[in-house]
Amino acid sequence: QRQLERNAYVMGGSNYDAPAQMVG
């Protein structure tokens, strides 16, 4: 869990923004 959450933090810009993508 922690590994995925920290990876998402980096993917989002390391400022608590979340990574996102359109389904298509």
PDB file of all heavy atoms in Angstrom:
ATOM      1  N   GLN A   1       0.829  -1.204   0.000  1.00  0.00           N
ATOM      2  CA  GLN A   1       0.000   0.000   0.000  1.00  0.00           C
ATOM      3  C   GLN A   1       0.865   1.256   0.000  1.00  0.00           C
ATOM      4  O   GLN A   1       0.674   2.179  -0.803  1.00  0.00           O
ATOM      5  CB  GLN A   1      -0.903   0.031   1.237  1.00  0.00           C
ATOM      6  CG  GLN A   1      -2.047  -0.953   1.241  1.00  0.00           C
ATOM      7  CD  GLN A   1      -2.849  -0.857   2.533  1.00  0.00           C
ATOM      8  OE1 GLN A   1      -2.281  -0.693   3.623  1.00  0.00           O
ATOM      9  NE2 GLN A   1      -4.157  -0.945   2.423  1.00  0.00           N
ATOM     10  N   ARG A   2       1.831   1.283   0.902  1.00  0.00           N
ATOM     11  CA  ARG A   2       2.682   2.474   1.058  1.00  0.00           C
ATOM     12  C   ARG A   2       3.493   2.739  -0.204  1.00  0.00           C
ATOM     13  O   ARG A   2       3.642   3.893  -0.635  1.00  0.00           O
ATOM     14  CB  ARG A   2       3.588   2.268   2.271  1.00  0.00           C
ATOM     15  CG  ARG A   2       4.416   3.474   2.630  1.00  0.00           C
ATOM     16  CD  ARG A   2       5.146   3.211   3.935  1.00  0.00           C
ATOM     17  NE  ARG A   2       4.306   3.451   5.094  1.00  0.00           N
ATOM     18  CZ  ARG A   2       4.369   2.745   6.224  1.00  0.00           C
ATOM     19  NH1 ARG A   2       5.167   1.699   6.323  1.00  0.00           N
ATOM     20  NH2 ARG A   2       3.595   3.073   7.243  1.00  0.00           N
ATOM     21  N   GLN A   3       3.991   1.688  -0.829  1.00  0.00           N
ATOM     22  CA  GLN A   3       4.763   1.853  -2.065  1.00  0.00           C
ATOM     23  C   GLN A   3       3.920   2.500  -3.160  1.00  0.00           C
ATOM     24  O   GLN A   3       4.369   3.431  -3.852  1.00  0.00           O
ATOM     25  CB  GLN A   3       5.260   0.484  -2.539  1.00  0.00           C
ATOM     26  CG  GLN A   3       5.932   0.487  -3.904  1.00  0.00           C
ATOM     27  CD  GLN A   3       6.114  -0.916  -4.452  1.00  0.00           C
ATOM     28  OE1 GLN A   3       6.126  -1.893  -3.709  1.00  0.00           O
ATOM     29  NE2 GLN A   3       6.264  -1.029  -5.758  1.00  0.00           N
ATOM     30  N   LEU A   4       2.672   2.031  -3.320  1.00  0.00           N
ATOM     31  CA  LEU A   4       1.791   2.583  -4.352  1.00  0.00           C
ATOM     32  C   LEU A   4       1.404   4.024  -4.041  1.00  0.00           C
ATOM     33  O   LEU A   4       1.321   4.860  -4.956  1.00  0.00           O
ATOM     34  CB  LEU A   4       0.536   1.713  -4.477  1.00  0.00           C
ATOM     35  CG  LEU A   4       0.760   0.264  -4.925  1.00  0.00           C
ATOM     36  CD1 LEU A   4      -0.546  -0.522  -4.877  1.00  0.00           C
ATOM     37  CD2 LEU A   4       1.361   0.209  -6.328  1.00  0.00           C
ATOM     38  N   GLU A   5       1.188   4.333  -2.773  1.00  0.00           N
ATOM     39  CA  GLU A   5       0.804   5.693  -2.388  1.00  0.00           C
ATOM     40  C   GLU A   5       1.949   6.677  -2.594  1.00  0.00           C
ATOM     41  O   GLU A   5       1.729   7.818  -3.039  1.00  0.00           O
ATOM     42  CB  GLU A   5       0.353   5.690  -0.922  1.00  0.00           C
ATOM     43  CG  GLU A   5      -0.935   4.906  -0.699  1.00  0.00           C
ATOM     44  CD  GLU A   5      -1.188   4.543   0.750  1.00  0.00           C
ATOM     45  OE1 GLU A   5      -0.454   5.037   1.637  1.00  0.00           O
ATOM     46  OE2 GLU A   5      -2.126   3.758   1.019  1.00  0.00           O
ATOM     47  N   ARG A   6       3.164   6.260  -2.293  1.00  0.00           N
ATOM     48  CA  ARG A   6       4.318   7.142  -2.493  1.00  0.00           C
ATOM     49  C   ARG A   6       4.621   7.328  -3.977  1.00  0.00           C
ATOM     50  O   ARG A   6       5.036   8.417  -4.407  1.00  0.00           O
ATOM     51  CB  ARG A   6       5.526   6.588  -1.743  1.00  0.00           C
ATOM     52  CG  ARG A   6       5.363   6.697  -0.223  1.00  0.00           C
ATOM     53  CD  ARG A   6       6.524   6.114   0.543  1.00  0.00           C
ATOM     54  NE  ARG A   6       6.378   6.361   1.981  1.00  0.00           N
ATOM     55  CZ  ARG A   6       7.198   5.895   2.913  1.00  0.00           C
ATOM     56  NH1 ARG A   6       8.243   5.149   2.559  1.00  0.00           N
ATOM     57  NH2 ARG A   6       6.990   6.184   4.181  1.00  0.00           N
ATOM     58  N   ASN A   7       4.421   6.289  -4.740  1.00  0.00           N
ATOM     59  CA  ASN A   7       4.597   6.399  -6.189  1.00  0.00           C
ATOM     60  C   ASN A   7       3.579   7.380  -6.779  1.00  0.00           C
ATOM     61  O   ASN A   7       3.909   8.203  -7.647  1.00  0.00           O
ATOM     62  CB  ASN A   7       4.442   5.024  -6.836  1.00  0.00           C
ATOM     63  CG  ASN A   7       4.608   5.063  -8.341  1.00  0.00           C
ATOM     64  OD1 ASN A   7       5.588   5.593  -8.859  1.00  0.00           O
ATOM     65  ND2 ASN A   7       3.647   4.502  -9.063  1.00  0.00           N
ATOM     66  N   ALA A   8       2.326   7.305  -6.302  1.00  0.00           N
ATOM     67  CA  ALA A   8       1.291   8.223  -6.777  1.00  0.00           C
ATOM     68  C   ALA A   8       1.637   9.662  -6.417  1.00  0.00           C
ATOM     69  O   ALA A   8       1.349  10.591  -7.190  1.00  0.00           O
ATOM     70  CB  ALA A   8      -0.067   7.832  -6.188  1.00  0.00           C
ATOM     71  N   TYR A   9       2.240   9.868  -5.263  1.00  0.00           N
ATOM     72  CA  TYR A   9       2.664  11.210  -4.850  1.00  0.00           C
ATOM     73  C   TYR A   9       3.661  11.797  -5.845  1.00  0.00           C
ATOM     74  O   TYR A   9       3.541  12.956  -6.264  1.00  0.00           O
ATOM     75  CB  TYR A   9       3.276  11.123  -3.453  1.00  0.00           C
ATOM     76  CG  TYR A   9       3.818  12.423  -2.903  1.00  0.00           C
ATOM     77  CD1 TYR A   9       2.963  13.376  -2.366  1.00  0.00           C
ATOM     78  CD2 TYR A   9       5.191  12.681  -2.896  1.00  0.00           C
ATOM     79  CE1 TYR A   9       3.466  14.567  -1.835  1.00  0.00           C
ATOM     80  CE2 TYR A   9       5.706  13.860  -2.374  1.00  0.00           C
ATOM     81  CZ  TYR A   9       4.837  14.798  -1.853  1.00  0.00           C
ATOM     82  OH  TYR A   9       5.331  15.971  -1.333  1.00  0.00           O
ATOM     83  N   VAL A  10       4.613  10.987  -6.247  1.00  0.00           N
ATOM     84  CA  VAL A  10       5.608  11.439  -7.225  1.00  0.00           C
ATOM     85  C   VAL A  10       4.957  11.678  -8.582  1.00  0.00           C
ATOM     86  O   VAL A  10       5.211  12.688  -9.250  1.00  0.00           O
ATOM     87  CB  VAL A  10       6.751  10.415  -7.332  1.00  0.00           C
ATOM     88  CG1 VAL A  10       7.715  10.796  -8.462  1.00  0.00           C
ATOM     89  CG2 VAL A  10       7.500  10.307  -6.009  1.00  0.00           C
ATOM     90  N   MET A  11       4.073  10.752  -8.997  1.00  0.00           N
ATOM     91  CA  MET A  11       3.404  10.887 -10.284  1.00  0.00           C
ATOM     92  C   MET A  11       2.549  12.155 -10.346  1.00  0.00           C
ATOM     93  O   MET A  11       2.376  12.762 -11.410  1.00  0.00           O
ATOM     94  CB  MET A  11       2.530   9.665 -10.559  1.00  0.00           C
ATOM     95  CG  MET A  11       3.299   8.381 -10.808  1.00  0.00           C
ATOM     96  SD  MET A  11       2.194   6.973 -11.084  1.00  0.00           S
ATOM     97  CE  MET A  11       1.475   7.429 -12.673  1.00  0.00           C
ATOM     98  N   GLY A  12       2.013  12.569  -9.217  1.00  0.00           N
ATOM     99  CA  GLY A  12       1.170  13.752  -9.163  1.00  0.00           C
ATOM    100  C   GLY A  12       1.935  15.059  -9.070  1.00  0.00           C
ATOM    101  O   GLY A  12       1.329  16.129  -9.092  1.00  0.00           O
ATOM    102  N   GLY A  13       3.256  14.989  -8.936  1.00  0.00           N
ATOM    103  CA  GLY A  13       4.074  16.195  -8.865  1.00  0.00           C
ATOM    104  C   GLY A  13       4.689  16.463  -7.512  1.00  0.00           C
ATOM    105  O   GLY A  13       5.227  17.539  -7.263  1.00  0.00           O
ATOM    106  N   SER A  14       4.592  15.497  -6.584  1.00  0.00           N
ATOM    107  CA  SER A  14       5.201  15.601  -5.244  1.00  0.00           C
ATOM    108  C   SER A  14       4.667  16.792  -4.442  1.00  0.00           C
ATOM    109  O   SER A  14       5.403  17.443  -3.692  1.00  0.00           O
ATOM    110  CB  SER A  14       6.731  15.678  -5.365  1.00  0.00           C
ATOM    111  OG  SER A  14       7.244  14.513  -5.981  1.00  0.00           O
ATOM    112  N   ASN A  15       3.367  17.071  -4.608  1.00  0.00           N
ATOM    113  CA  ASN A  15       2.752  18.184  -3.867  1.00  0.00           C
ATOM    114  C   ASN A  15       1.337  17.835  -3.405  1.00  0.00           C
ATOM    115  O   ASN A  15       0.552  18.727  -3.093  1.00  0.00           O
ATOM    116  CB  ASN A  15       2.726  19.434  -4.740  1.00  0.00           C
ATOM    117  CG  ASN A  15       1.969  19.215  -6.044  1.00  0.00           C
ATOM    118  OD1 ASN A  15       1.496  18.108  -6.320  1.00  0.00           O
ATOM    119  ND2 ASN A  15       1.859  20.248  -6.857  1.00  0.00           N
ATOM    120  N   TYR A  16       1.005  16.539  -3.340  1.00  0.00           N
ATOM    121  CA  TYR A  16      -0.296  15.989  -2.966  1.00  0.00           C
ATOM    122  C   TYR A  16      -1.358  16.120  -4.047  1.00  0.00           C
ATOM    123  O   TYR A  16      -2.511  15.751  -3.820  1.00  0.00           O
ATOM    124  CB  TYR A  16      -0.808  16.571  -1.632  1.00  0.00           C
ATOM    125  CG  TYR A  16       0.085  16.205  -0.477  1.00  0.00           C
ATOM    126  CD1 TYR A  16       0.919  17.156   0.111  1.00  0.00           C
ATOM    127  CD2 TYR A  16       0.128  14.907   0.011  1.00  0.00           C
ATOM    128  CE1 TYR A  16       1.756  16.834   1.160  1.00  0.00           C
ATOM    129  CE2 TYR A  16       0.965  14.559   1.064  1.00  0.00           C
ATOM    130  CZ  TYR A  16       1.786  15.523   1.635  1.00  0.00           C
ATOM    131  OH  TYR A  16       2.616  15.184   2.670  1.00  0.00           O
ATOM    132  N   ASP A  17      -0.998  16.638  -5.230  1.00  0.00           N
ATOM    133  CA  ASP A  17      -1.895  16.494  -6.371  1.00  0.00           C
ATOM    134  C   ASP A  17      -1.918  15.021  -6.767  1.00  0.00           C
ATOM    135  O   ASP A  17      -0.936  14.295  -6.553  1.00  0.00           O
ATOM    136  CB  ASP A  17      -1.415  17.332  -7.556  1.00  0.00           C
ATOM    137  CG  ASP A  17      -1.598  18.822  -7.330  1.00  0.00           C
ATOM    138  OD1 ASP A  17      -2.205  19.190  -6.305  1.00  0.00           O
ATOM    139  OD2 ASP A  17      -1.121  19.605  -8.173  1.00  0.00           O
ATOM    140  N   ALA A  18      -3.030  14.577  -7.336  1.00  0.00           N
ATOM    141  CA  ALA A  18      -3.182  13.158  -7.670  1.00  0.00           C
ATOM    142  C   ALA A  18      -2.968  12.932  -9.165  1.00  0.00           C
ATOM    143  O   ALA A  18      -3.386  13.756  -9.991  1.00  0.00           O
ATOM    144  CB  ALA A  18      -4.573  12.675  -7.277  1.00  0.00           C
ATOM    145  N   PRO A  19      -2.347  11.830  -9.540  1.00  0.00           N
ATOM    146  CA  PRO A  19      -2.238  11.496 -10.963  1.00  0.00           C
ATOM    147  C   PRO A  19      -3.593  11.089 -11.515  1.00  0.00           C
ATOM    148  O   PRO A  19      -4.366  10.396 -10.845  1.00  0.00           O
ATOM    149  CB  PRO A  19      -1.257  10.327 -10.967  1.00  0.00           C
ATOM    150  CG  PRO A  19      -1.416   9.678  -9.626  1.00  0.00           C
ATOM    151  CD  PRO A  19      -1.723  10.807  -8.678  1.00  0.00           C
ATOM    152  N   ALA A  20      -3.912  11.538 -12.726  1.00  0.00           N
ATOM    153  CA  ALA A  20      -5.222  11.266 -13.317  1.00  0.00           C
ATOM    154  C   ALA A  20      -5.082  11.059 -14.818  1.00  0.00           C
ATOM    155  O   ALA A  20      -4.102  11.489 -15.438  1.00  0.00           O
ATOM    156  CB  ALA A  20      -6.192  12.409 -13.023  1.00  0.00           C
ATOM    157  N   GLN A  21      -6.085  10.403 -15.397  1.00  0.00           N
ATOM    158  CA  GLN A  21      -6.076  10.128 -16.833  1.00  0.00           C
ATOM    159  C   GLN A  21      -7.498   9.846 -17.304  1.00  0.00           C
ATOM    160  O   GLN A  21      -8.283   9.222 -16.579  1.00  0.00           O
ATOM    161  CB  GLN A  21      -5.169   8.924 -17.148  1.00  0.00           C
ATOM    162  CG  GLN A  21      -4.924   8.688 -18.628  1.00  0.00           C
ATOM    163  CD  GLN A  21      -3.910   7.572 -18.877  1.00  0.00           C
ATOM    164  OE1 GLN A  21      -3.696   6.698 -18.027  1.00  0.00           O
ATOM    165  NE2 GLN A  21      -3.278   7.597 -20.037  1.00  0.00           N
ATOM    166  N   MET A  22      -7.819  10.298 -18.503  1.00  0.00           N
ATOM    167  CA  MET A  22      -9.120   9.970 -19.068  1.00  0.00           C
ATOM    168  C   MET A  22      -9.164   8.483 -19.427  1.00  0.00           C
ATOM    169  O   MET A  22      -8.149   7.885 -19.800  1.00  0.00           O
ATOM    170  CB  MET A  22      -9.404  10.819 -20.312  1.00  0.00           C
ATOM    171  CG  MET A  22      -9.703  12.273 -20.024  1.00  0.00           C
ATOM    172  SD  MET A  22     -10.290  13.155 -21.488  1.00  0.00           S
ATOM    173  CE  MET A  22      -8.879  12.994 -22.576  1.00  0.00           C
ATOM    174  N   VAL A  23     -10.355   7.891 -19.327  1.00  0.00           N
ATOM    175  CA  VAL A  23     -10.517   6.464 -19.574  1.00  0.00           C
ATOM    176  C   VAL A  23     -10.088   6.079 -20.983  1.00  0.00           C
ATOM    177  O   VAL A  23      -9.399   5.070 -21.193  1.00  0.00           O
ATOM    178  CB  VAL A  23     -11.970   6.033 -19.304  1.00  0.00           C
ATOM    179  CG1 VAL A  23     -12.266   4.657 -19.900  1.00  0.00           C
ATOM    180  CG2 VAL A  23     -12.244   6.010 -17.802  1.00  0.00           C
ATOM    181  N   GLY A  24     -10.478   6.885 -21.980  1.00  0.00           N
ATOM    182  CA  GLY A  24     -10.093   6.569 -23.353  1.00  0.00           C
ATOM    183  C   GLY A  24      -8.597   6.522 -23.534  1.00  0.00           C
ATOM    184  O   GLY A  24      -8.055   5.631 -24.207  1.00  0.00           O
TER     185      GLY A  24
END
